[in-house]
Amino acid sequence: MCSTGCFCKEGYVRESNKTGSSCIKQEDCTNVNVLPQCTENEEFLKCGSACPPTCDNWPYPLPKGPTPCIMICKQGCFCKKGLYRSKDGKCVKPEECCGKNEVFTSCGSACVETCNNKPDICT
């Protein structure tokens, strides 16, 4: 299968898998077999999700539909099970994903009260 685009010239390789990574001489590669140092509440996975859980895609307060995700492995540091990546890059518990004037509850109402909707009967 052929791909169209810019490729490194002979003798050069991409510095990393990140988009826009520079082409460097192969002998200039560093830390090739060194595993990255993961921070607290992270673990290194050779085959992690391309779409790891974040506070932005956490289903609260309203359930969100399934998010399309490509089925490929990504290597690197991922949040441990049950934790979510916050906007500042830390792995946090779900209750730490709450925004200003929000509180975490494990048994809230299925009907979210809004300015336009004040349900009379709800579970």
PDB file of N, CA and C in Angstrom:
ATOM      1  N   MET A   1       0.848  -1.177   0.000  1.00  0.00           N
ATOM      2  CA  MET A   1       0.000   0.000   0.000  1.00  0.00           C
ATOM      3  C   MET A   1       0.893   1.240   0.000  1.00  0.00           C
ATOM      4  N   CYS A   2       0.589   2.176  -0.837  1.00  0.00           N
ATOM      5  CA  CYS A   2       1.373   3.401  -0.949  1.00  0.00           C
ATOM      6  C   CYS A   2       0.683   4.547  -0.231  1.00  0.00           C
ATOM      7  N   SER A   3       1.473   5.420   0.338  1.00  0.00           N
ATOM      8  CA  SER A   3       0.953   6.627   0.981  1.00  0.00           C
ATOM      9  C   SER A   3       1.569   7.839   0.313  1.00  0.00           C
ATOM     10  N   THR A   4       0.790   8.896   0.208  1.00  0.00           N
ATOM     11  CA  THR A   4       1.260  10.148  -0.367  1.00  0.00           C
ATOM     12  C   THR A   4       1.614  11.097   0.757  1.00  0.00           C
ATOM     13  N   GLY A   5       2.690  11.831   0.624  1.00  0.00           N
ATOM     14  CA  GLY A   5       3.052  12.799   1.650  1.00  0.00           C
ATOM     15  C   GLY A   5       4.544  13.001   1.728  1.00  0.00           C
ATOM     16  N   CYS A   6       4.972  13.675   2.764  1.00  0.00           N
ATOM     17  CA  CYS A   6       6.392  13.953   2.982  1.00  0.00           C
ATOM     18  C   CYS A   6       7.001  12.848   3.831  1.00  0.00           C
ATOM     19  N   PHE A   7       8.104  12.316   3.375  1.00  0.00           N
ATOM     20  CA  PHE A   7       8.796  11.242   4.071  1.00  0.00           C
ATOM     21  C   PHE A   7      10.237  11.665   4.308  1.00  0.00           C
ATOM     22  N   CYS A   8      10.876  11.079   5.299  1.00  0.00           N
ATOM     23  CA  CYS A   8      12.281  11.382   5.567  1.00  0.00           C
ATOM     24  C   CYS A   8      13.135  10.840   4.420  1.00  0.00           C
ATOM     25  N   LYS A   9      14.158  11.609   4.052  1.00  0.00           N
ATOM     26  CA  LYS A   9      15.035  11.142   2.986  1.00  0.00           C
ATOM     27  C   LYS A   9      15.919  10.015   3.513  1.00  0.00           C
ATOM     28  N   GLU A  10      16.583   9.331   2.612  1.00  0.00           N
ATOM     29  CA  GLU A  10      17.393   8.172   2.971  1.00  0.00           C
ATOM     30  C   GLU A  10      18.426   8.527   4.037  1.00  0.00           C
ATOM     31  N   GLY A  11      18.535   7.655   5.054  1.00  0.00           N
ATOM     32  CA  GLY A  11      19.471   7.877   6.151  1.00  0.00           C
ATOM     33  C   GLY A  11      18.878   8.671   7.305  1.00  0.00           C
ATOM     34  N   TYR A  12      17.646   9.139   7.131  1.00  0.00           N
ATOM     35  CA  TYR A  12      16.962   9.915   8.163  1.00  0.00           C
ATOM     36  C   TYR A  12      15.702   9.177   8.622  1.00  0.00           C
ATOM     37  N   VAL A  13      15.321   9.405   9.874  1.00  0.00           N
ATOM     38  CA  VAL A  13      14.109   8.807  10.451  1.00  0.00           C
ATOM     39  C   VAL A  13      13.352   9.880  11.225  1.00  0.00           C
ATOM     40  N   ARG A  14      12.075   9.635  11.481  1.00  0.00           N
ATOM     41  CA  ARG A  14      11.298  10.560  12.310  1.00  0.00           C
ATOM     42  C   ARG A  14      11.785  10.451  13.750  1.00  0.00           C
ATOM     43  N   GLU A  15      11.871  11.583  14.410  1.00  0.00           N
ATOM     44  CA  GLU A  15      12.349  11.613  15.794  1.00  0.00           C
ATOM     45  C   GLU A  15      11.382  10.885  16.727  1.00  0.00           C
ATOM     46  N   SER A  16      10.070  10.951  16.424  1.00  0.00           N
ATOM     47  CA  SER A  16       9.066  10.263  17.242  1.00  0.00           C
ATOM     48  C   SER A  16       7.832  10.016  16.389  1.00  0.00           C
ATOM     49  N   ASN A  17       6.807   9.415  16.998  1.00  0.00           N
ATOM     50  CA  ASN A  17       5.545   9.160  16.300  1.00  0.00           C
ATOM     51  C   ASN A  17       4.621  10.358  16.311  1.00  0.00           C
ATOM     52  N   LYS A  18       5.021  11.443  16.970  1.00  0.00           N
ATOM     53  CA  LYS A  18       4.159  12.620  17.068  1.00  0.00           C
ATOM     54  C   LYS A  18       4.030  13.302  15.713  1.00  0.00           C
ATOM     55  N   THR A  19       2.848  13.835  15.441  1.00  0.00           N
ATOM     56  CA  THR A  19       2.603  14.567  14.204  1.00  0.00           C
ATOM     57  C   THR A  19       3.565  15.748  14.103  1.00  0.00           C
ATOM     58  N   GLY A  20       4.166  15.907  12.950  1.00  0.00           N
ATOM     59  CA  GLY A  20       5.089  17.021  12.741  1.00  0.00           C
ATOM     60  C   GLY A  20       6.492  16.783  13.257  1.00  0.00           C
ATOM     61  N   SER A  21       6.778  15.559  13.699  1.00  0.00           N
ATOM     62  CA  SER A  21       8.105  15.235  14.213  1.00  0.00           C
ATOM     63  C   SER A  21       9.156  15.422  13.115  1.00  0.00           C
ATOM     64  N   SER A  22      10.314  15.934  13.492  1.00  0.00           N
ATOM     65  CA  SER A  22      11.391  16.227  12.539  1.00  0.00           C
ATOM     66  C   SER A  22      12.089  14.966  12.063  1.00  0.00           C
ATOM     67  N   CYS A  23      12.699  15.064  10.883  1.00  0.00           N
ATOM     68  CA  CYS A  23      13.553  13.994  10.368  1.00  0.00           C
ATOM     69  C   CYS A  23      14.973  14.258  10.867  1.00  0.00           C
ATOM     70  N   ILE A  24      15.553  13.249  11.498  1.00  0.00           N
ATOM     71  CA  ILE A  24      16.916  13.378  12.009  1.00  0.00           C
ATOM     72  C   ILE A  24      17.739  12.192  11.516  1.00  0.00           C
ATOM     73  N   LYS A  25      19.069  12.329  11.568  1.00  0.00           N
ATOM     74  CA  LYS A  25      19.929  11.209  11.191  1.00  0.00           C
ATOM     75  C   LYS A  25      19.706  10.079  12.184  1.00  0.00           C
ATOM     76  N   GLN A  26      19.694   8.854  11.667  1.00  0.00           N
ATOM     77  CA  GLN A  26      19.412   7.705  12.519  1.00  0.00           C
ATOM     78  C   GLN A  26      20.397   7.614  13.686  1.00  0.00           C
ATOM     79  N   GLU A  27      21.652   7.964  13.447  1.00  0.00           N
ATOM     80  CA  GLU A  27      22.649   7.881  14.528  1.00  0.00           C
ATOM     81  C   GLU A  27      22.425   8.930  15.619  1.00  0.00           C
ATOM     82  N   ASP A  28      21.589   9.927  15.341  1.00  0.00           N
ATOM     83  CA  ASP A  28      21.283  10.952  16.346  1.00  0.00           C
ATOM     84  C   ASP A  28      20.102  10.573  17.246  1.00  0.00           C
ATOM     85  N   CYS A  29      19.508   9.401  17.002  1.00  0.00           N
ATOM     86  CA  CYS A  29      18.393   8.953  17.847  1.00  0.00           C
ATOM     87  C   CYS A  29      18.901   8.701  19.262  1.00  0.00           C
ATOM     88  N   THR A  30      18.146   9.172  20.239  1.00  0.00           N
ATOM     89  CA  THR A  30      18.518   8.957  21.640  1.00  0.00           C
ATOM     90  C   THR A  30      17.400   8.225  22.353  1.00  0.00           C
ATOM     91  N   ASN A  31      17.744   7.560  23.422  1.00  0.00           N
ATOM     92  CA  ASN A  31      16.774   6.872  24.280  1.00  0.00           C
ATOM     93  C   ASN A  31      15.854   5.937  23.503  1.00  0.00           C
ATOM     94  N   VAL A  32      16.405   5.234  22.503  1.00  0.00           N
ATOM     95  CA  VAL A  32      15.579   4.373  21.667  1.00  0.00           C
ATOM     96  C   VAL A  32      14.930   3.259  22.471  1.00  0.00           C
ATOM     97  N   ASN A  33      15.673   2.611  23.343  1.00  0.00           N
ATOM     98  CA  ASN A  33      15.126   1.491  24.103  1.00  0.00           C
ATOM     99  C   ASN A  33      14.847   1.837  25.558  1.00  0.00           C
ATOM    100  N   VAL A  34      14.799   3.119  25.867  1.00  0.00           N
ATOM    101  CA  VAL A  34      14.543   3.547  27.235  1.00  0.00           C
ATOM    102  C   VAL A  34      13.053   3.824  27.394  1.00  0.00           C
ATOM    103  N   LEU A  35      12.439   3.171  28.369  1.00  0.00           N
ATOM    104  CA  LEU A  35      11.020   3.403  28.622  1.00  0.00           C
ATOM    105  C   LEU A  35      10.834   4.765  29.277  1.00  0.00           C
ATOM    106  N   PRO A  36       9.780   5.485  28.909  1.00  0.00           N
ATOM    107  CA  PRO A  36       9.549   6.790  29.536  1.00  0.00           C
ATOM    108  C   PRO A  36       9.209   6.636  31.010  1.00  0.00           C
ATOM    109  N   GLN A  37       9.544   7.636  31.790  1.00  0.00           N
ATOM    110  CA  GLN A  37       9.215   7.641  33.208  1.00  0.00           C
ATOM    111  C   GLN A  37       7.795   8.170  33.360  1.00  0.00           C
ATOM    112  N   CYS A  38       6.897   7.292  33.742  1.00  0.00           N
ATOM    113  CA  CYS A  38       5.510   7.704  33.940  1.00  0.00           C
ATOM    114  C   CYS A  38       5.381   8.368  35.304  1.00  0.00           C
ATOM    115  N   THR A  39       4.436   9.295  35.403  1.00  0.00           N
ATOM    116  CA  THR A  39       4.223  10.015  36.656  1.00  0.00           C
ATOM    117  C   THR A  39       3.267   9.243  37.561  1.00  0.00           C
ATOM    118  N   GLU A  40       2.981   9.827  38.707  1.00  0.00           N
ATOM    119  CA  GLU A  40       2.076   9.212  39.675  1.00  0.00           C
ATOM    120  C   GLU A  40       0.727   8.923  39.013  1.00  0.00           C
ATOM    121  N   ASN A  41       0.167   7.766  39.308  1.00  0.00           N
ATOM    122  CA  ASN A  41      -1.128   7.310  38.786  1.00  0.00           C
ATOM    123  C   ASN A  41      -1.115   6.980  37.297  1.00  0.00           C
ATOM    124  N   GLU A  42       0.082   6.820  36.720  1.00  0.00           N
ATOM    125  CA  GLU A  42       0.210   6.407  35.329  1.00  0.00           C
ATOM    126  C   GLU A  42       0.916   5.063  35.267  1.00  0.00           C
ATOM    127  N   GLU A  43       0.730   4.375  34.144  1.00  0.00           N
ATOM    128  CA  GLU A  43       1.458   3.141  33.890  1.00  0.00           C
ATOM    129  C   GLU A  43       1.857   3.113  32.422  1.00  0.00           C
ATOM    130  N   PHE A  44       2.990   2.478  32.136  1.00  0.00           N
ATOM    131  CA  PHE A  44       3.461   2.385  30.758  1.00  0.00           C
ATOM    132  C   PHE A  44       2.782   1.205  30.084  1.00  0.00           C
ATOM    133  N   LEU A  45       2.221   1.446  28.903  1.00  0.00           N
ATOM    134  CA  LEU A  45       1.601   0.383  28.113  1.00  0.00           C
ATOM    135  C   LEU A  45       2.218   0.364  26.722  1.00  0.00           C
ATOM    136  N   LYS A  46       2.559  -0.842  26.251  1.00  0.00           N
ATOM    137  CA  LYS A  46       3.069  -0.973  24.886  1.00  0.00           C
ATOM    138  C   LYS A  46       1.931  -0.865  23.881  1.00  0.00           C
ATOM    139  N   CYS A  47       0.717  -1.212  24.318  1.00  0.00           N
ATOM    140  CA  CYS A  47      -0.431  -1.166  23.410  1.00  0.00           C
ATOM    141  C   CYS A  47      -1.626  -0.561  24.134  1.00  0.00           C
ATOM    142  N   GLY A  48      -1.611   0.755  24.293  1.00  0.00           N
ATOM    143  CA  GLY A  48      -2.718   1.461  24.931  1.00  0.00           C
ATOM    144  C   GLY A  48      -3.679   2.004  23.890  1.00  0.00           C
ATOM    145  N   SER A  49      -4.793   2.521  24.353  1.00  0.00           N
ATOM    146  CA  SER A  49      -5.828   3.058  23.472  1.00  0.00           C
ATOM    147  C   SER A  49      -5.369   4.342  22.784  1.00  0.00           C
ATOM    148  N   ALA A  50      -5.795   4.507  21.540  1.00  0.00           N
ATOM    149  CA  ALA A  50      -5.539   5.758  20.823  1.00  0.00           C
ATOM    150  C   ALA A  50      -6.447   6.863  21.356  1.00  0.00           C
ATOM    151  N   CYS A  51      -7.472   6.478  22.122  1.00  0.00           N
ATOM    152  CA  CYS A  51      -8.438   7.440  22.681  1.00  0.00           C
ATOM    153  C   CYS A  51      -8.606   7.181  24.180  1.00  0.00           C
ATOM    154  N   PRO A  52      -7.587   7.477  24.985  1.00  0.00           N
ATOM    155  CA  PRO A  52      -7.686   7.198  26.420  1.00  0.00           C
ATOM    156  C   PRO A  52      -8.722   8.101  27.090  1.00  0.00           C
ATOM    157  N   PRO A  53      -9.272   7.663  28.229  1.00  0.00           N
ATOM    158  CA  PRO A  53     -10.298   8.456  28.916  1.00  0.00           C
ATOM    159  C   PRO A  53      -9.752   9.768  29.477  1.00  0.00           C
ATOM    160  N   THR A  54     -10.512  10.833  29.249  1.00  0.00           N
ATOM    161  CA  THR A  54     -10.151  12.151  29.772  1.00  0.00           C
ATOM    162  C   THR A  54     -11.350  12.751  30.490  1.00  0.00           C
ATOM    163  N   CYS A  55     -11.106  13.784  31.266  1.00  0.00           N
ATOM    164  CA  CYS A  55     -12.215  14.485  31.919  1.00  0.00           C
ATOM    165  C   CYS A  55     -13.169  15.064  30.876  1.00  0.00           C
ATOM    166  N   ASP A  56     -12.661  15.406  29.706  1.00  0.00           N
ATOM    167  CA  ASP A  56     -13.512  15.961  28.650  1.00  0.00           C
ATOM    168  C   ASP A  56     -14.489  14.940  28.086  1.00  0.00           C
ATOM    169  N   ASN A  57     -14.113  13.644  28.098  1.00  0.00           N
ATOM    170  CA  ASN A  57     -15.041  12.653  27.555  1.00  0.00           C
ATOM    171  C   ASN A  57     -15.696  11.793  28.632  1.00  0.00           C
ATOM    172  N   TRP A  58     -15.556  12.205  29.885  1.00  0.00           N
ATOM    173  CA  TRP A  58     -16.199  11.507  30.999  1.00  0.00           C
ATOM    174  C   TRP A  58     -17.696  11.769  30.924  1.00  0.00           C
ATOM    175  N   PRO A  59     -18.552  10.735  31.031  1.00  0.00           N
ATOM    176  CA  PRO A  59     -19.989  10.902  30.813  1.00  0.00           C
ATOM    177  C   PRO A  59     -20.742  11.526  31.984  1.00  0.00           C
ATOM    178  N   TYR A  60     -20.428  12.738  32.341  1.00  0.00           N
ATOM    179  CA  TYR A  60     -21.131  13.409  33.437  1.00  0.00           C
ATOM    180  C   TYR A  60     -21.192  14.890  33.133  1.00  0.00           C
ATOM    181  N   PRO A  61     -22.259  15.596  33.370  1.00  0.00           N
ATOM    182  CA  PRO A  61     -23.502  15.159  33.992  1.00  0.00           C
ATOM    183  C   PRO A  61     -24.451  14.484  33.016  1.00  0.00           C
ATOM    184  N   LEU A  62     -24.272  14.697  31.727  1.00  0.00           N
ATOM    185  CA  LEU A  62     -25.166  14.080  30.748  1.00  0.00           C
ATOM    186  C   LEU A  62     -24.459  12.919  30.076  1.00  0.00           C
ATOM    187  N   PRO A  63     -25.174  11.811  29.872  1.00  0.00           N
ATOM    188  CA  PRO A  63     -24.538  10.693  29.162  1.00  0.00           C
ATOM    189  C   PRO A  63     -24.120  11.133  27.764  1.00  0.00           C
ATOM    190  N   LYS A  64     -22.965  10.700  27.362  1.00  0.00           N
ATOM    191  CA  LYS A  64     -22.474  11.028  26.031  1.00  0.00           C
ATOM    192  C   LYS A  64     -22.517   9.754  25.192  1.00  0.00           C
ATOM    193  N   GLY A  65     -22.769   9.897  23.919  1.00  0.00           N
ATOM    194  CA  GLY A  65     -22.773   8.743  23.028  1.00  0.00           C
ATOM    195  C   GLY A  65     -21.371   8.206  22.845  1.00  0.00           C
ATOM    196  N   PRO A  66     -21.260   7.046  22.203  1.00  0.00           N
ATOM    197  CA  PRO A  66     -19.931   6.483  21.978  1.00  0.00           C
ATOM    198  C   PRO A  66     -19.086   7.401  21.104  1.00  0.00           C
ATOM    199  N   THR A  67     -17.833   7.504  21.452  1.00  0.00           N
ATOM    200  CA  THR A  67     -16.905   8.332  20.692  1.00  0.00           C
ATOM    201  C   THR A  67     -16.153   7.438  19.715  1.00  0.00           C
ATOM    202  N   PRO A  68     -16.159   7.774  18.423  1.00  0.00           N
ATOM    203  CA  PRO A  68     -15.410   6.944  17.474  1.00  0.00           C
ATOM    204  C   PRO A  68     -13.916   6.994  17.787  1.00  0.00           C
ATOM    205  N   CYS A  69     -13.282   5.850  17.702  1.00  0.00           N
ATOM    206  CA  CYS A  69     -11.851   5.769  18.001  1.00  0.00           C
ATOM    207  C   CYS A  69     -11.212   4.752  17.069  1.00  0.00           C
ATOM    208  N   ILE A  70     -10.054   5.097  16.543  1.00  0.00           N
ATOM    209  CA  ILE A  70      -9.359   4.158  15.673  1.00  0.00           C
ATOM    210  C   ILE A  70      -8.758   3.035  16.513  1.00  0.00           C
ATOM    211  N   MET A  71      -8.795   1.840  15.983  1.00  0.00           N
ATOM    212  CA  MET A  71      -8.323   0.661  16.701  1.00  0.00           C
ATOM    213  C   MET A  71      -6.842   0.412  16.416  1.00  0.00           C
ATOM    214  N   ILE A  72      -5.995   1.270  16.963  1.00  0.00           N
ATOM    215  CA  ILE A  72      -4.558   1.062  16.840  1.00  0.00           C
ATOM    216  C   ILE A  72      -3.933   1.191  18.221  1.00  0.00           C
ATOM    217  N   CYS A  73      -2.784   0.576  18.373  1.00  0.00           N
ATOM    218  CA  CYS A  73      -2.065   0.643  19.644  1.00  0.00           C
ATOM    219  C   CYS A  73      -1.229   1.913  19.705  1.00  0.00           C
ATOM    220  N   LYS A  74      -1.220   2.513  20.859  1.00  0.00           N
ATOM    221  CA  LYS A  74      -0.330   3.639  21.138  1.00  0.00           C
ATOM    222  C   LYS A  74       0.536   3.231  22.322  1.00  0.00           C
ATOM    223  N   GLN A  75       1.821   3.473  22.216  1.00  0.00           N
ATOM    224  CA  GLN A  75       2.753   3.157  23.293  1.00  0.00           C
ATOM    225  C   GLN A  75       3.005   4.404  24.112  1.00  0.00           C
ATOM    226  N   GLY A  76       3.025   4.257  25.436  1.00  0.00           N
ATOM    227  CA  GLY A  76       3.329   5.404  26.274  1.00  0.00           C
ATOM    228  C   GLY A  76       2.739   5.288  27.659  1.00  0.00           C
ATOM    229  N   CYS A  77       2.678   6.413  28.354  1.00  0.00           N
ATOM    230  CA  CYS A  77       2.141   6.467  29.711  1.00  0.00           C
ATOM    231  C   CYS A  77       0.645   6.753  29.656  1.00  0.00           C
ATOM    232  N   PHE A  78      -0.125   5.928  30.348  1.00  0.00           N
ATOM    233  CA  PHE A  78      -1.577   6.051  30.392  1.00  0.00           C
ATOM    234  C   PHE A  78      -2.033   6.097  31.843  1.00  0.00           C
ATOM    235  N   CYS A  79      -3.165   6.739  32.073  1.00  0.00           N
ATOM    236  CA  CYS A  79      -3.737   6.765  33.422  1.00  0.00           C
ATOM    237  C   CYS A  79      -4.107   5.346  33.840  1.00  0.00           C
ATOM    238  N   LYS A  80      -3.892   5.037  35.108  1.00  0.00           N
ATOM    239  CA  LYS A  80      -4.275   3.734  35.635  1.00  0.00           C
ATOM    240  C   LYS A  80      -5.788   3.582  35.564  1.00  0.00           C
ATOM    241  N   LYS A  81      -6.261   2.338  35.578  1.00  0.00           N
ATOM    242  CA  LYS A  81      -7.686   2.021  35.441  1.00  0.00           C
ATOM    243  C   LYS A  81      -8.528   2.819  36.438  1.00  0.00           C
ATOM    244  N   GLY A  82      -9.618   3.398  35.940  1.00  0.00           N
ATOM    245  CA  GLY A  82     -10.532   4.165  36.780  1.00  0.00           C
ATOM    246  C   GLY A  82     -10.178   5.632  36.904  1.00  0.00           C
ATOM    247  N   LEU A  83      -9.039   6.040  36.326  1.00  0.00           N
ATOM    248  CA  LEU A  83      -8.620   7.442  36.392  1.00  0.00           C
ATOM    249  C   LEU A  83      -8.762   8.091  35.020  1.00  0.00           C
ATOM    250  N   TYR A  84      -8.853   9.417  35.026  1.00  0.00           N
ATOM    251  CA  TYR A  84      -9.059  10.187  33.808  1.00  0.00           C
ATOM    252  C   TYR A  84      -7.978  11.254  33.688  1.00  0.00           C
ATOM    253  N   ARG A  85      -7.604  11.579  32.454  1.00  0.00           N
ATOM    254  CA  ARG A  85      -6.602  12.618  32.212  1.00  0.00           C
ATOM    255  C   ARG A  85      -7.289  13.980  32.313  1.00  0.00           C
ATOM    256  N   SER A  86      -6.800  14.823  33.232  1.00  0.00           N
ATOM    257  CA  SER A  86      -7.388  16.155  33.421  1.00  0.00           C
ATOM    258  C   SER A  86      -6.809  17.124  32.394  1.00  0.00           C
ATOM    259  N   LYS A  87      -7.370  18.326  32.349  1.00  0.00           N
ATOM    260  CA  LYS A  87      -6.905  19.338  31.388  1.00  0.00           C
ATOM    261  C   LYS A  87      -5.446  19.710  31.612  1.00  0.00           C
ATOM    262  N   ASP A  88      -4.974  19.572  32.869  1.00  0.00           N
ATOM    263  CA  ASP A  88      -3.571  19.907  33.146  1.00  0.00           C
ATOM    264  C   ASP A  88      -2.645  18.698  33.004  1.00  0.00           C
ATOM    265  N   GLY A  89      -3.169  17.585  32.460  1.00  0.00           N
ATOM    266  CA  GLY A  89      -2.341  16.427  32.154  1.00  0.00           C
ATOM    267  C   GLY A  89      -2.176  15.411  33.262  1.00  0.00           C
ATOM    268  N   LYS A  90      -2.777  15.640  34.431  1.00  0.00           N
ATOM    269  CA  LYS A  90      -2.658  14.701  35.545  1.00  0.00           C
ATOM    270  C   LYS A  90      -3.737  13.626  35.448  1.00  0.00           C
ATOM    271  N   CYS A  91      -3.474  12.471  36.067  1.00  0.00           N
ATOM    272  CA  CYS A  91      -4.465  11.401  36.143  1.00  0.00           C
ATOM    273  C   CYS A  91      -5.230  11.569  37.449  1.00  0.00           C
ATOM    274  N   VAL A  92      -6.545  11.737  37.329  1.00  0.00           N
ATOM    275  CA  VAL A  92      -7.362  12.065  38.493  1.00  0.00           C
ATOM    276  C   VAL A  92      -8.563  11.136  38.613  1.00  0.00           C
ATOM    277  N   LYS A  93      -9.138  11.100  39.826  1.00  0.00           N
ATOM    278  CA  LYS A  93     -10.369  10.350  40.071  1.00  0.00           C
ATOM    279  C   LYS A  93     -11.521  11.096  39.401  1.00  0.00           C
ATOM    280  N   PRO A  94     -12.629  10.391  39.093  1.00  0.00           N
ATOM    281  CA  PRO A  94     -13.754  11.053  38.426  1.00  0.00           C
ATOM    282  C   PRO A  94     -14.242  12.300  39.151  1.00  0.00           C
ATOM    283  N   GLU A  95     -14.265  12.254  40.479  1.00  0.00           N
ATOM    284  CA  GLU A  95     -14.774  13.410  41.222  1.00  0.00           C
ATOM    285  C   GLU A  95     -13.909  14.656  41.041  1.00  0.00           C
ATOM    286  N   GLU A  96     -12.657  14.451  40.620  1.00  0.00           N
ATOM    287  CA  GLU A  96     -11.781  15.595  40.384  1.00  0.00           C
ATOM    288  C   GLU A  96     -11.975  16.194  38.989  1.00  0.00           C
ATOM    289  N   CYS A  97     -12.858  15.580  38.197  1.00  0.00           N
ATOM    290  CA  CYS A  97     -13.183  16.114  36.867  1.00  0.00           C
ATOM    291  C   CYS A  97     -14.276  17.176  36.951  1.00  0.00           C
ATOM    292  N   CYS A  98     -14.940  17.278  38.085  1.00  0.00           N
ATOM    293  CA  CYS A  98     -16.034  18.236  38.228  1.00  0.00           C
ATOM    294  C   CYS A  98     -15.521  19.664  38.069  1.00  0.00           C
ATOM    295  N   GLY A  99     -16.359  20.492  37.471  1.00  0.00           N
ATOM    296  CA  GLY A  99     -16.004  21.881  37.255  1.00  0.00           C
ATOM    297  C   GLY A  99     -16.480  22.775  38.384  1.00  0.00           C
ATOM    298  N   LYS A 100     -16.372  24.080  38.168  1.00  0.00           N
ATOM    299  CA  LYS A 100     -16.778  25.078  39.153  1.00  0.00           C
ATOM    300  C   LYS A 100     -18.268  24.913  39.464  1.00  0.00           C
ATOM    301  N   ASN A 101     -18.624  24.987  40.736  1.00  0.00           N
ATOM    302  CA  ASN A 101     -20.000  24.861  41.231  1.00  0.00           C
ATOM    303  C   ASN A 101     -20.615  23.492  40.968  1.00  0.00           C
ATOM    304  N   GLU A 102     -19.781  22.464  40.774  1.00  0.00           N
ATOM    305  CA  GLU A 102     -20.253  21.096  40.607  1.00  0.00           C
ATOM    306  C   GLU A 102     -19.736  20.248  41.757  1.00  0.00           C
ATOM    307  N   VAL A 103     -20.475  19.184  42.102  1.00  0.00           N
ATOM    308  CA  VAL A 103     -20.033  18.218  43.106  1.00  0.00           C
ATOM    309  C   VAL A 103     -20.214  16.826  42.525  1.00  0.00           C
ATOM    310  N   PHE A 104     -19.369  15.917  42.933  1.00  0.00           N
ATOM    311  CA  PHE A 104     -19.441  14.544  42.466  1.00  0.00           C
ATOM    312  C   PHE A 104     -20.425  13.766  43.326  1.00  0.00           C
ATOM    313  N   THR A 105     -21.273  12.957  42.698  1.00  0.00           N
ATOM    314  CA  THR A 105     -22.149  12.045  43.428  1.00  0.00           C
ATOM    315  C   THR A 105     -22.228  10.746  42.649  1.00  0.00           C
ATOM    316  N   SER A 106     -22.307   9.631  43.352  1.00  0.00           N
ATOM    317  CA  SER A 106     -22.372   8.337  42.676  1.00  0.00           C
ATOM    318  C   SER A 106     -23.815   7.932  42.385  1.00  0.00           C
ATOM    319  N   CYS A 107     -24.800   8.701  42.888  1.00  0.00           N
ATOM    320  CA  CYS A 107     -26.206   8.362  42.649  1.00  0.00           C
ATOM    321  C   CYS A 107     -27.019   9.638  42.445  1.00  0.00           C
ATOM    322  N   GLY A 108     -26.782  10.313  41.343  1.00  0.00           N
ATOM    323  CA  GLY A 108     -27.511  11.540  41.041  1.00  0.00           C
ATOM    324  C   GLY A 108     -28.738  11.268  40.197  1.00  0.00           C
ATOM    325  N   SER A 109     -29.530  12.289  39.972  1.00  0.00           N
ATOM    326  CA  SER A 109     -30.748  12.187  39.174  1.00  0.00           C
ATOM    327  C   SER A 109     -30.404  11.980  37.705  1.00  0.00           C
ATOM    328  N   ALA A 110     -31.220  11.181  37.029  1.00  0.00           N
ATOM    329  CA  ALA A 110     -31.045  10.968  35.593  1.00  0.00           C
ATOM    330  C   ALA A 110     -31.530  12.179  34.804  1.00  0.00           C
ATOM    331  N   CYS A 111     -32.311  13.046  35.446  1.00  0.00           N
ATOM    332  CA  CYS A 111     -32.847  14.245  34.790  1.00  0.00           C
ATOM    333  C   CYS A 111     -32.072  15.459  35.290  1.00  0.00           C
ATOM    334  N   VAL A 112     -31.302  16.042  34.416  1.00  0.00           N
ATOM    335  CA  VAL A 112     -30.482  17.188  34.791  1.00  0.00           C
ATOM    336  C   VAL A 112     -31.320  18.452  34.716  1.00  0.00           C
ATOM    337  N   GLU A 113     -31.340  19.198  35.808  1.00  0.00           N
ATOM    338  CA  GLU A 113     -32.097  20.448  35.848  1.00  0.00           C
ATOM    339  C   GLU A 113     -31.311  21.541  35.143  1.00  0.00           C
ATOM    340  N   THR A 114     -31.998  22.240  34.241  1.00  0.00           N
ATOM    341  CA  THR A 114     -31.378  23.348  33.519  1.00  0.00           C
ATOM    342  C   THR A 114     -32.277  24.573  33.630  1.00  0.00           C
ATOM    343  N   CYS A 115     -31.821  25.707  33.150  1.00  0.00           N
ATOM    344  CA  CYS A 115     -32.637  26.926  33.166  1.00  0.00           C
ATOM    345  C   CYS A 115     -33.940  26.728  32.400  1.00  0.00           C
ATOM    346  N   ASN A 116     -33.894  25.938  31.336  1.00  0.00           N
ATOM    347  CA  ASN A 116     -35.071  25.714  30.498  1.00  0.00           C
ATOM    348  C   ASN A 116     -35.883  24.498  30.903  1.00  0.00           C
ATOM    349  N   ASN A 117     -35.379  23.699  31.833  1.00  0.00           N
ATOM    350  CA  ASN A 117     -36.040  22.445  32.159  1.00  0.00           C
ATOM    351  C   ASN A 117     -35.968  22.182  33.651  1.00  0.00           C
ATOM    352  N   LYS A 118     -37.102  22.238  34.322  1.00  0.00           N
ATOM    353  CA  LYS A 118     -37.181  21.909  35.735  1.00  0.00           C
ATOM    354  C   LYS A 118     -38.181  20.761  35.849  1.00  0.00           C
ATOM    355  N   PRO A 119     -37.704  19.506  35.788  1.00  0.00           N
ATOM    356  CA  PRO A 119     -38.611  18.358  35.751  1.00  0.00           C
ATOM    357  C   PRO A 119     -39.458  18.234  37.021  1.00  0.00           C
ATOM    358  N   ASP A 120     -40.755  17.887  36.825  1.00  0.00           N
ATOM    359  CA  ASP A 120     -41.668  17.667  37.951  1.00  0.00           C
ATOM    360  C   ASP A 120     -41.436  16.298  38.573  1.00  0.00           C
ATOM    361  N   ILE A 121     -41.388  15.273  37.740  1.00  0.00           N
ATOM    362  CA  ILE A 121     -41.191  13.905  38.213  1.00  0.00           C
ATOM    363  C   ILE A 121     -39.976  13.344  37.494  1.00  0.00           C
ATOM    364  N   CYS A 122     -39.071  12.788  38.257  1.00  0.00           N
ATOM    365  CA  CYS A 122     -37.854  12.251  37.665  1.00  0.00           C
ATOM    366  C   CYS A 122     -37.259  11.223  38.605  1.00  0.00           C
ATOM    367  N   THR A 123     -36.363  10.413  38.093  1.00  0.00           N
ATOM    368  CA  THR A 123     -35.714   9.393  38.925  1.00  0.00           C
ATOM    369  C   THR A 123     -34.394   9.887  39.450  1.00  0.00           C
TER     370      THR A 123
END
